[in-house]
Amino acid sequence: MTDETAEKPTHRAARMLPKTFRLTWKQTAEMVVKNYGIHEGHWYVYIKFGDLQTMNANITGKVWPYAMVPVVELGLARCNEPMDLSVDAAEVNPAKTVSLN
């Protein structure tokens, strides 16, 4: 679908959305923790890469080596201790408590 044929948003707020949302690793982990309803433990986002492919490319008459590494999996993993890229599910998505009063 091209920009010309795509439906244009009619709501003003929708028209003002950016085209790209940039997230940190911690923001991504927080969103996934909330999406899956996780309320305990330390969690981080991991990436699994596939096999490295190398080639030479002829760009403007010059040969340049290059490498391609496919991303084959993106996931959320639990860790035993906090680390720089992890989030604490109890802090970012605390369980709701029910009061019997």
PDB file of N, CA and C in Angstrom:
ATOM      1  N   MET A   1       0.846  -1.169   0.000  1.00  0.00           N
ATOM      2  CA  MET A   1       0.000   0.000   0.000  1.00  0.00           C
ATOM      3  C   MET A   1       0.894   1.235   0.000  1.00  0.00           C
ATOM      4  N   THR A   2       0.696   2.083  -0.929  1.00  0.00           N
ATOM      5  CA  THR A   2       1.502   3.292  -1.015  1.00  0.00           C
ATOM      6  C   THR A   2       0.841   4.416  -0.230  1.00  0.00           C
ATOM      7  N   ASP A   3       1.593   5.466  -0.013  1.00  0.00           N
ATOM      8  CA  ASP A   3       1.049   6.617   0.711  1.00  0.00           C
ATOM      9  C   ASP A   3      -0.142   7.216  -0.029  1.00  0.00           C
ATOM     10  N   GLU A   4      -0.131   7.136  -1.358  1.00  0.00           N
ATOM     11  CA  GLU A   4      -1.207   7.736  -2.132  1.00  0.00           C
ATOM     12  C   GLU A   4      -2.509   6.968  -1.958  1.00  0.00           C
ATOM     13  N   THR A   5      -2.426   5.625  -1.838  1.00  0.00           N
ATOM     14  CA  THR A   5      -3.640   4.822  -1.751  1.00  0.00           C
ATOM     15  C   THR A   5      -4.059   4.537  -0.316  1.00  0.00           C
ATOM     16  N   ALA A   6      -3.203   4.825   0.642  1.00  0.00           N
ATOM     17  CA  ALA A   6      -3.535   4.556   2.044  1.00  0.00           C
ATOM     18  C   ALA A   6      -4.613   5.509   2.508  1.00  0.00           C
ATOM     19  N   GLU A   7      -5.471   4.998   3.397  1.00  0.00           N
ATOM     20  CA  GLU A   7      -6.498   5.869   3.964  1.00  0.00           C
ATOM     21  C   GLU A   7      -5.842   6.884   4.888  1.00  0.00           C
ATOM     22  N   LYS A   8      -6.266   8.096   4.764  1.00  0.00           N
ATOM     23  CA  LYS A   8      -5.727   9.156   5.616  1.00  0.00           C
ATOM     24  C   LYS A   8      -6.495   9.169   6.927  1.00  0.00           C
ATOM     25  N   PRO A   9      -5.790   9.270   8.062  1.00  0.00           N
ATOM     26  CA  PRO A   9      -6.501   9.339   9.340  1.00  0.00           C
ATOM     27  C   PRO A   9      -7.370  10.581   9.397  1.00  0.00           C
ATOM     28  N   THR A  10      -8.555  10.417   9.940  1.00  0.00           N
ATOM     29  CA  THR A  10      -9.460  11.555  10.033  1.00  0.00           C
ATOM     30  C   THR A  10      -9.359  12.242  11.385  1.00  0.00           C
ATOM     31  N   HIS A  11      -8.947  11.520  12.409  1.00  0.00           N
ATOM     32  CA  HIS A  11      -8.837  12.102  13.739  1.00  0.00           C
ATOM     33  C   HIS A  11      -7.553  12.918  13.817  1.00  0.00           C
ATOM     34  N   ARG A  12      -7.641  14.109  14.365  1.00  0.00           N
ATOM     35  CA  ARG A  12      -6.494  15.017  14.419  1.00  0.00           C
ATOM     36  C   ARG A  12      -5.313  14.403  15.149  1.00  0.00           C
ATOM     37  N   ALA A  13      -5.558  13.745  16.281  1.00  0.00           N
ATOM     38  CA  ALA A  13      -4.463  13.149  17.050  1.00  0.00           C
ATOM     39  C   ALA A  13      -3.762  12.067  16.242  1.00  0.00           C
ATOM     40  N   ALA A  14      -4.509  11.282  15.478  1.00  0.00           N
ATOM     41  CA  ALA A  14      -3.911  10.229  14.660  1.00  0.00           C
ATOM     42  C   ALA A  14      -3.015  10.820  13.585  1.00  0.00           C
ATOM     43  N   ARG A  15      -3.396  11.946  13.036  1.00  0.00           N
ATOM     44  CA  ARG A  15      -2.571  12.592  12.004  1.00  0.00           C
ATOM     45  C   ARG A  15      -1.273  13.124  12.585  1.00  0.00           C
ATOM     46  N   MET A  16      -1.233  13.383  13.890  1.00  0.00           N
ATOM     47  CA  MET A  16      -0.061  13.977  14.510  1.00  0.00           C
ATOM     48  C   MET A  16       0.917  12.922  15.037  1.00  0.00           C
ATOM     49  N   LEU A  17       0.598  11.626  14.920  1.00  0.00           N
ATOM     50  CA  LEU A  17       1.498  10.593  15.403  1.00  0.00           C
ATOM     51  C   LEU A  17       2.790  10.596  14.590  1.00  0.00           C
ATOM     52  N   PRO A  18       3.910  10.348  15.244  1.00  0.00           N
ATOM     53  CA  PRO A  18       5.160  10.272  14.488  1.00  0.00           C
ATOM     54  C   PRO A  18       5.173   9.020  13.618  1.00  0.00           C
ATOM     55  N   LYS A  19       6.018   9.006  12.615  1.00  0.00           N
ATOM     56  CA  LYS A  19       6.132   7.846  11.738  1.00  0.00           C
ATOM     57  C   LYS A  19       6.977   6.748  12.367  1.00  0.00           C
ATOM     58  N   THR A  20       7.818   7.109  13.314  1.00  0.00           N
ATOM     59  CA  THR A  20       8.715   6.156  13.955  1.00  0.00           C
ATOM     60  C   THR A  20       8.657   6.340  15.459  1.00  0.00           C
ATOM     61  N   PHE A  21       8.552   5.241  16.172  1.00  0.00           N
ATOM     62  CA  PHE A  21       8.651   5.257  17.625  1.00  0.00           C
ATOM     63  C   PHE A  21       9.957   4.579  17.989  1.00  0.00           C
ATOM     64  N   ARG A  22      10.823   5.282  18.664  1.00  0.00           N
ATOM     65  CA  ARG A  22      12.102   4.712  19.087  1.00  0.00           C
ATOM     66  C   ARG A  22      11.985   4.323  20.552  1.00  0.00           C
ATOM     67  N   LEU A  23      12.349   3.075  20.843  1.00  0.00           N
ATOM     68  CA  LEU A  23      12.240   2.558  22.203  1.00  0.00           C
ATOM     69  C   LEU A  23      13.598   2.082  22.691  1.00  0.00           C
ATOM     70  N   THR A  24      13.845   2.290  23.972  1.00  0.00           N
ATOM     71  CA  THR A  24      15.047   1.714  24.570  1.00  0.00           C
ATOM     72  C   THR A  24      14.763   0.240  24.842  1.00  0.00           C
ATOM     73  N   TRP A  25      15.796  -0.510  25.173  1.00  0.00           N
ATOM     74  CA  TRP A  25      15.613  -1.928  25.503  1.00  0.00           C
ATOM     75  C   TRP A  25      14.729  -2.073  26.734  1.00  0.00           C
ATOM     76  N   LYS A  26      14.921  -1.190  27.704  1.00  0.00           N
ATOM     77  CA  LYS A  26      14.104  -1.265  28.917  1.00  0.00           C
ATOM     78  C   LYS A  26      12.644  -0.919  28.632  1.00  0.00           C
ATOM     79  N   GLN A  27      12.385   0.059  27.792  1.00  0.00           N
ATOM     80  CA  GLN A  27      11.013   0.394  27.430  1.00  0.00           C
ATOM     81  C   GLN A  27      10.345  -0.780  26.710  1.00  0.00           C
ATOM     82  N   THR A  28      11.089  -1.430  25.837  1.00  0.00           N
ATOM     83  CA  THR A  28      10.562  -2.588  25.122  1.00  0.00           C
ATOM     84  C   THR A  28      10.246  -3.711  26.096  1.00  0.00           C
ATOM     85  N   ALA A  29      11.162  -3.986  27.023  1.00  0.00           N
ATOM     86  CA  ALA A  29      10.932  -5.035  28.026  1.00  0.00           C
ATOM     87  C   ALA A  29       9.711  -4.698  28.875  1.00  0.00           C
ATOM     88  N   GLU A  30       9.568  -3.452  29.265  1.00  0.00           N
ATOM     89  CA  GLU A  30       8.413  -3.035  30.075  1.00  0.00           C
ATOM     90  C   GLU A  30       7.102  -3.260  29.319  1.00  0.00           C
ATOM     91  N   MET A  31       7.071  -2.911  28.048  1.00  0.00           N
ATOM     92  CA  MET A  31       5.853  -3.093  27.260  1.00  0.00           C
ATOM     93  C   MET A  31       5.476  -4.573  27.140  1.00  0.00           C
ATOM     94  N   VAL A  32       6.478  -5.425  26.944  1.00  0.00           N
ATOM     95  CA  VAL A  32       6.200  -6.856  26.796  1.00  0.00           C
ATOM     96  C   VAL A  32       5.766  -7.453  28.132  1.00  0.00           C
ATOM     97  N   VAL A  33       6.400  -7.049  29.224  1.00  0.00           N
ATOM     98  CA  VAL A  33       6.011  -7.512  30.560  1.00  0.00           C
ATOM     99  C   VAL A  33       4.548  -7.158  30.826  1.00  0.00           C
ATOM    100  N   LYS A  34       4.170  -5.947  30.513  1.00  0.00           N
ATOM    101  CA  LYS A  34       2.779  -5.514  30.718  1.00  0.00           C
ATOM    102  C   LYS A  34       1.831  -6.275  29.799  1.00  0.00           C
ATOM    103  N   ASN A  35       2.225  -6.474  28.551  1.00  0.00           N
ATOM    104  CA  ASN A  35       1.381  -7.175  27.582  1.00  0.00           C
ATOM    105  C   ASN A  35       1.080  -8.611  28.019  1.00  0.00           C
ATOM    106  N   TYR A  36       2.059  -9.282  28.612  1.00  0.00           N
ATOM    107  CA  TYR A  36       1.875 -10.664  29.038  1.00  0.00           C
ATOM    108  C   TYR A  36       1.377 -10.789  30.475  1.00  0.00           C
ATOM    109  N   GLY A  37       1.161  -9.666  31.152  1.00  0.00           N
ATOM    110  CA  GLY A  37       0.632  -9.704  32.514  1.00  0.00           C
ATOM    111  C   GLY A  37       1.600 -10.295  33.523  1.00  0.00           C
ATOM    112  N   ILE A  38       2.877 -10.041  33.344  1.00  0.00           N
ATOM    113  CA  ILE A  38       3.906 -10.552  34.257  1.00  0.00           C
ATOM    114  C   ILE A  38       4.049  -9.573  35.416  1.00  0.00           C
ATOM    115  N   HIS A  39       4.048 -10.100  36.653  1.00  0.00           N
ATOM    116  CA  HIS A  39       4.083  -9.226  37.829  1.00  0.00           C
ATOM    117  C   HIS A  39       5.280  -9.478  38.743  1.00  0.00           C
ATOM    118  N   GLU A  40       6.131 -10.407  38.400  1.00  0.00           N
ATOM    119  CA  GLU A  40       7.295 -10.664  39.265  1.00  0.00           C
ATOM    120  C   GLU A  40       8.488 -11.082  38.436  1.00  0.00           C
ATOM    121  N   GLY A  41       9.660 -10.825  38.994  1.00  0.00           N
ATOM    122  CA  GLY A  41      10.910 -11.213  38.350  1.00  0.00           C
ATOM    123  C   GLY A  41      11.539 -10.087  37.547  1.00  0.00           C
ATOM    124  N   HIS A  42      12.788 -10.296  37.197  1.00  0.00           N
ATOM    125  CA  HIS A  42      13.541  -9.363  36.358  1.00  0.00           C
ATOM    126  C   HIS A  42      13.576  -9.939  34.949  1.00  0.00           C
ATOM    127  N   TRP A  43      13.268  -9.097  33.954  1.00  0.00           N
ATOM    128  CA  TRP A  43      13.121  -9.536  32.583  1.00  0.00           C
ATOM    129  C   TRP A  43      13.887  -8.624  31.635  1.00  0.00           C
ATOM    130  N   TYR A  44      14.416  -9.197  30.548  1.00  0.00           N
ATOM    131  CA  TYR A  44      15.124  -8.415  29.539  1.00  0.00           C
ATOM    132  C   TYR A  44      14.759  -8.931  28.151  1.00  0.00           C
ATOM    133  N   VAL A  45      14.935  -8.087  27.162  1.00  0.00           N
ATOM    134  CA  VAL A  45      14.679  -8.453  25.773  1.00  0.00           C
ATOM    135  C   VAL A  45      15.948  -9.091  25.214  1.00  0.00           C
ATOM    136  N   TYR A  46      15.769 -10.203  24.502  1.00  0.00           N
ATOM    137  CA  TYR A  46      16.904 -10.820  23.840  1.00  0.00           C
ATOM    138  C   TYR A  46      16.644 -10.927  22.341  1.00  0.00           C
ATOM    139  N   ILE A  47      17.730 -11.045  21.602  1.00  0.00           N
ATOM    140  CA  ILE A  47      17.657 -11.215  20.155  1.00  0.00           C
ATOM    141  C   ILE A  47      18.483 -12.438  19.791  1.00  0.00           C
ATOM    142  N   LYS A  48      17.897 -13.305  18.973  1.00  0.00           N
ATOM    143  CA  LYS A  48      18.620 -14.472  18.465  1.00  0.00           C
ATOM    144  C   LYS A  48      18.939 -14.206  16.997  1.00  0.00           C
ATOM    145  N   PHE A  49      20.216 -14.303  16.672  1.00  0.00           N
ATOM    146  CA  PHE A  49      20.663 -14.054  15.312  1.00  0.00           C
ATOM    147  C   PHE A  49      20.846 -15.372  14.565  1.00  0.00           C
ATOM    148  N   GLY A  50      20.662 -15.325  13.256  1.00  0.00           N
ATOM    149  CA  GLY A  50      20.869 -16.486  12.401  1.00  0.00           C
ATOM    150  C   GLY A  50      22.313 -16.559  11.934  1.00  0.00           C
ATOM    151  N   ASP A  51      22.537 -17.348  10.907  1.00  0.00           N
ATOM    152  CA  ASP A  51      23.890 -17.541  10.374  1.00  0.00           C
ATOM    153  C   ASP A  51      24.380 -16.307   9.630  1.00  0.00           C
ATOM    154  N   LEU A  52      25.638 -16.018   9.819  1.00  0.00           N
ATOM    155  CA  LEU A  52      26.284 -14.887   9.158  1.00  0.00           C
ATOM    156  C   LEU A  52      26.473 -15.202   7.679  1.00  0.00           C
ATOM    157  N   GLN A  53      26.086 -14.285   6.833  1.00  0.00           N
ATOM    158  CA  GLN A  53      26.279 -14.416   5.390  1.00  0.00           C
ATOM    159  C   GLN A  53      27.226 -13.303   4.946  1.00  0.00           C
ATOM    160  N   THR A  54      28.285 -13.671   4.267  1.00  0.00           N
ATOM    161  CA  THR A  54      29.228 -12.655   3.784  1.00  0.00           C
ATOM    162  C   THR A  54      29.305 -12.726   2.270  1.00  0.00           C
ATOM    163  N   MET A  55      29.525 -11.588   1.671  1.00  0.00           N
ATOM    164  CA  MET A  55      29.637 -11.490   0.217  1.00  0.00           C
ATOM    165  C   MET A  55      30.449 -10.264  -0.137  1.00  0.00           C
ATOM    166  N   ASN A  56      30.721 -10.168  -1.415  1.00  0.00           N
ATOM    167  CA  ASN A  56      31.308  -8.951  -1.944  1.00  0.00           C
ATOM    168  C   ASN A  56      30.276  -8.288  -2.826  1.00  0.00           C
ATOM    169  N   ALA A  57      30.119  -7.006  -2.675  1.00  0.00           N
ATOM    170  CA  ALA A  57      29.144  -6.274  -3.471  1.00  0.00           C
ATOM    171  C   ALA A  57      29.856  -5.316  -4.404  1.00  0.00           C
ATOM    172  N   ASN A  58      29.392  -5.257  -5.622  1.00  0.00           N
ATOM    173  CA  ASN A  58      29.930  -4.321  -6.585  1.00  0.00           C
ATOM    174  C   ASN A  58      29.071  -3.067  -6.541  1.00  0.00           C
ATOM    175  N   ILE A  59      29.579  -2.035  -5.876  1.00  0.00           N
ATOM    176  CA  ILE A  59      28.855  -0.783  -5.721  1.00  0.00           C
ATOM    177  C   ILE A  59      29.629   0.298  -6.470  1.00  0.00           C
ATOM    178  N   THR A  60      29.022   0.885  -7.451  1.00  0.00           N
ATOM    179  CA  THR A  60      29.624   1.940  -8.278  1.00  0.00           C
ATOM    180  C   THR A  60      31.006   1.539  -8.797  1.00  0.00           C
ATOM    181  N   GLY A  61      31.102   0.314  -9.272  1.00  0.00           N
ATOM    182  CA  GLY A  61      32.354  -0.134  -9.873  1.00  0.00           C
ATOM    183  C   GLY A  61      33.415  -0.578  -8.894  1.00  0.00           C
ATOM    184  N   LYS A  62      33.141  -0.531  -7.600  1.00  0.00           N
ATOM    185  CA  LYS A  62      34.114  -0.972  -6.590  1.00  0.00           C
ATOM    186  C   LYS A  62      33.537  -2.180  -5.865  1.00  0.00           C
ATOM    187  N   VAL A  63      34.411  -3.085  -5.482  1.00  0.00           N
ATOM    188  CA  VAL A  63      33.979  -4.267  -4.744  1.00  0.00           C
ATOM    189  C   VAL A  63      34.145  -3.990  -3.255  1.00  0.00           C
ATOM    190  N   TRP A  64      33.051  -4.186  -2.509  1.00  0.00           N
ATOM    191  CA  TRP A  64      33.040  -3.943  -1.077  1.00  0.00           C
ATOM    192  C   TRP A  64      32.592  -5.214  -0.357  1.00  0.00           C
ATOM    193  N   PRO A  65      33.317  -5.632   0.665  1.00  0.00           N
ATOM    194  CA  PRO A  65      32.829  -6.775   1.450  1.00  0.00           C
ATOM    195  C   PRO A  65      31.687  -6.322   2.353  1.00  0.00           C
ATOM    196  N   TYR A  66      30.730  -7.200   2.566  1.00  0.00           N
ATOM    197  CA  TYR A  66      29.666  -6.878   3.501  1.00  0.00           C
ATOM    198  C   TYR A  66      29.163  -8.155   4.148  1.00  0.00           C
ATOM    199  N   ALA A  67      28.442  -7.986   5.249  1.00  0.00           N
ATOM    200  CA  ALA A  67      27.907  -9.127   5.981  1.00  0.00           C
ATOM    201  C   ALA A  67      26.442  -8.866   6.293  1.00  0.00           C
ATOM    202  N   MET A  68      25.667  -9.947   6.299  1.00  0.00           N
ATOM    203  CA  MET A  68      24.266  -9.868   6.681  1.00  0.00           C
ATOM    204  C   MET A  68      24.028 -10.896   7.784  1.00  0.00           C
ATOM    205  N   VAL A  69      23.377 -10.462   8.830  1.00  0.00           N
ATOM    206  CA  VAL A  69      23.025 -11.360   9.921  1.00  0.00           C
ATOM    207  C   VAL A  69      21.529 -11.217  10.158  1.00  0.00           C
ATOM    208  N   PRO A  70      20.745 -12.250   9.858  1.00  0.00           N
ATOM    209  CA  PRO A  70      19.310 -12.129  10.058  1.00  0.00           C
ATOM    210  C   PRO A  70      18.927 -12.239  11.531  1.00  0.00           C
ATOM    211  N   VAL A  71      17.928 -11.474  11.917  1.00  0.00           N
ATOM    212  CA  VAL A  71      17.330 -11.623  13.239  1.00  0.00           C
ATOM    213  C   VAL A  71      16.250 -12.684  13.087  1.00  0.00           C
ATOM    214  N   VAL A  72      16.385 -13.807  13.797  1.00  0.00           N
ATOM    215  CA  VAL A  72      15.423 -14.896  13.647  1.00  0.00           C
ATOM    216  C   VAL A  72      14.451 -14.991  14.815  1.00  0.00           C
ATOM    217  N   GLU A  73      14.764 -14.303  15.906  1.00  0.00           N
ATOM    218  CA  GLU A  73      13.868 -14.376  17.064  1.00  0.00           C
ATOM    219  C   GLU A  73      14.092 -13.175  17.957  1.00  0.00           C
ATOM    220  N   LEU A  74      13.008 -12.671  18.505  1.00  0.00           N
ATOM    221  CA  LEU A  74      13.034 -11.592  19.484  1.00  0.00           C
ATOM    222  C   LEU A  74      12.180 -12.075  20.639  1.00  0.00           C
ATOM    223  N   GLY A  75      12.692 -11.989  21.845  1.00  0.00           N
ATOM    224  CA  GLY A  75      11.925 -12.525  22.961  1.00  0.00           C
ATOM    225  C   GLY A  75      12.207 -11.818  24.273  1.00  0.00           C
ATOM    226  N   LEU A  76      11.572 -12.326  25.310  1.00  0.00           N
ATOM    227  CA  LEU A  76      11.717 -11.812  26.666  1.00  0.00           C
ATOM    228  C   LEU A  76      12.244 -12.952  27.517  1.00  0.00           C
ATOM    229  N   ALA A  77      13.291 -12.687  28.270  1.00  0.00           N
ATOM    230  CA  ALA A  77      13.893 -13.720  29.103  1.00  0.00           C
ATOM    231  C   ALA A  77      13.995 -13.233  30.541  1.00  0.00           C
ATOM    232  N   ARG A  78      13.866 -14.173  31.467  1.00  0.00           N
ATOM    233  CA  ARG A  78      13.965 -13.859  32.890  1.00  0.00           C
ATOM    234  C   ARG A  78      15.418 -13.983  33.317  1.00  0.00           C
ATOM    235  N   CYS A  79      15.847 -13.085  34.183  1.00  0.00           N
ATOM    236  CA  CYS A  79      17.202 -13.168  34.729  1.00  0.00           C
ATOM    237  C   CYS A  79      17.110 -13.221  36.252  1.00  0.00           C
ATOM    238  N   ASN A  80      18.120 -13.809  36.869  1.00  0.00           N
ATOM    239  CA  ASN A  80      18.114 -13.996  38.324  1.00  0.00           C
ATOM    240  C   ASN A  80      18.352 -12.706  39.096  1.00  0.00           C
ATOM    241  N   GLU A  81      19.145 -11.826  38.515  1.00  0.00           N
ATOM    242  CA  GLU A  81      19.484 -10.567  39.182  1.00  0.00           C
ATOM    243  C   GLU A  81      19.245  -9.412  38.220  1.00  0.00           C
ATOM    244  N   PRO A  82      18.994  -8.216  38.750  1.00  0.00           N
ATOM    245  CA  PRO A  82      18.813  -7.064  37.863  1.00  0.00           C
ATOM    246  C   PRO A  82      20.084  -6.788  37.066  1.00  0.00           C
ATOM    247  N   MET A  83      19.905  -6.297  35.866  1.00  0.00           N
ATOM    248  CA  MET A  83      21.036  -5.858  35.047  1.00  0.00           C
ATOM    249  C   MET A  83      20.635  -4.595  34.306  1.00  0.00           C
ATOM    250  N   ASP A  84      21.575  -3.990  33.603  1.00  0.00           N
ATOM    251  CA  ASP A  84      21.325  -2.689  32.970  1.00  0.00           C
ATOM    252  C   ASP A  84      20.137  -2.694  32.011  1.00  0.00           C
ATOM    253  N   LEU A  85      19.866  -3.798  31.340  1.00  0.00           N
ATOM    254  CA  LEU A  85      18.812  -3.838  30.335  1.00  0.00           C
ATOM    255  C   LEU A  85      17.530  -4.501  30.823  1.00  0.00           C
ATOM    256  N   SER A  86      17.477  -4.876  32.087  1.00  0.00           N
ATOM    257  CA  SER A  86      16.291  -5.581  32.586  1.00  0.00           C
ATOM    258  C   SER A  86      15.350  -4.630  33.330  1.00  0.00           C
ATOM    259  N   VAL A  87      14.110  -5.090  33.458  1.00  0.00           N
ATOM    260  CA  VAL A  87      13.120  -4.364  34.241  1.00  0.00           C
ATOM    261  C   VAL A  87      12.592  -5.295  35.325  1.00  0.00           C
ATOM    262  N   ASP A  88      12.195  -4.707  36.441  1.00  0.00           N
ATOM    263  CA  ASP A  88      11.581  -5.453  37.532  1.00  0.00           C
ATOM    264  C   ASP A  88      10.078  -5.417  37.308  1.00  0.00           C
ATOM    265  N   ALA A  89       9.493  -6.586  37.023  1.00  0.00           N
ATOM    266  CA  ALA A  89       8.063  -6.649  36.720  1.00  0.00           C
ATOM    267  C   ALA A  89       7.204  -6.132  37.874  1.00  0.00           C
ATOM    268  N   ALA A  90       7.646  -6.345  39.094  1.00  0.00           N
ATOM    269  CA  ALA A  90       6.880  -5.878  40.251  1.00  0.00           C
ATOM    270  C   ALA A  90       6.805  -4.351  40.296  1.00  0.00           C
ATOM    271  N   GLU A  91       7.797  -3.673  39.730  1.00  0.00           N
ATOM    272  CA  GLU A  91       7.798  -2.204  39.703  1.00  0.00           C
ATOM    273  C   GLU A  91       7.055  -1.650  38.490  1.00  0.00           C
ATOM    274  N   VAL A  92       7.303  -2.228  37.309  1.00  0.00           N
ATOM    275  CA  VAL A  92       6.707  -1.664  36.094  1.00  0.00           C
ATOM    276  C   VAL A  92       5.286  -2.164  35.840  1.00  0.00           C
ATOM    277  N   ASN A  93       4.912  -3.298  36.464  1.00  0.00           N
ATOM    278  CA  ASN A  93       3.573  -3.859  36.278  1.00  0.00           C
ATOM    279  C   ASN A  93       3.113  -4.530  37.564  1.00  0.00           C
ATOM    280  N   PRO A  94       2.932  -3.740  38.630  1.00  0.00           N
ATOM    281  CA  PRO A  94       2.560  -4.347  39.914  1.00  0.00           C
ATOM    282  C   PRO A  94       1.212  -5.043  39.829  1.00  0.00           C
ATOM    283  N   ALA A  95       1.107  -6.146  40.581  1.00  0.00           N
ATOM    284  CA  ALA A  95      -0.161  -6.881  40.622  1.00  0.00           C
ATOM    285  C   ALA A  95      -1.198  -6.024  41.341  1.00  0.00           C
ATOM    286  N   LYS A  96      -2.404  -6.067  40.869  1.00  0.00           N
ATOM    287  CA  LYS A  96      -3.477  -5.307  41.506  1.00  0.00           C
ATOM    288  C   LYS A  96      -3.917  -6.063  42.757  1.00  0.00           C
ATOM    289  N   THR A  97      -4.053  -5.321  43.833  1.00  0.00           N
ATOM    290  CA  THR A  97      -4.509  -5.933  45.083  1.00  0.00           C
ATOM    291  C   THR A  97      -6.003  -5.687  45.237  1.00  0.00           C
ATOM    292  N   VAL A  98      -6.683  -6.681  45.766  1.00  0.00           N
ATOM    293  CA  VAL A  98      -8.127  -6.578  45.961  1.00  0.00           C
ATOM    294  C   VAL A  98      -8.385  -6.372  47.438  1.00  0.00           C
ATOM    295  N   SER A  99      -9.090  -5.312  47.767  1.00  0.00           N
ATOM    296  CA  SER A  99      -9.431  -5.020  49.137  1.00  0.00           C
ATOM    297  C   SER A  99     -10.805  -5.601  49.461  1.00  0.00           C
ATOM    298  N   LEU A 100     -10.921  -6.297  50.577  1.00  0.00           N
ATOM    299  CA  LEU A 100     -12.180  -6.903  50.973  1.00  0.00           C
ATOM    300  C   LEU A 100     -12.969  -6.008  51.921  1.00  0.00           C
ATOM    301  N   ASN A 101     -12.533  -4.776  52.109  1.00  0.00           N
ATOM    302  CA  ASN A 101     -13.238  -3.846  53.010  1.00  0.00           C
ATOM    303  C   ASN A 101     -14.434  -3.241  52.359  1.00  0.00           C
TER     304      ASN A 101
END
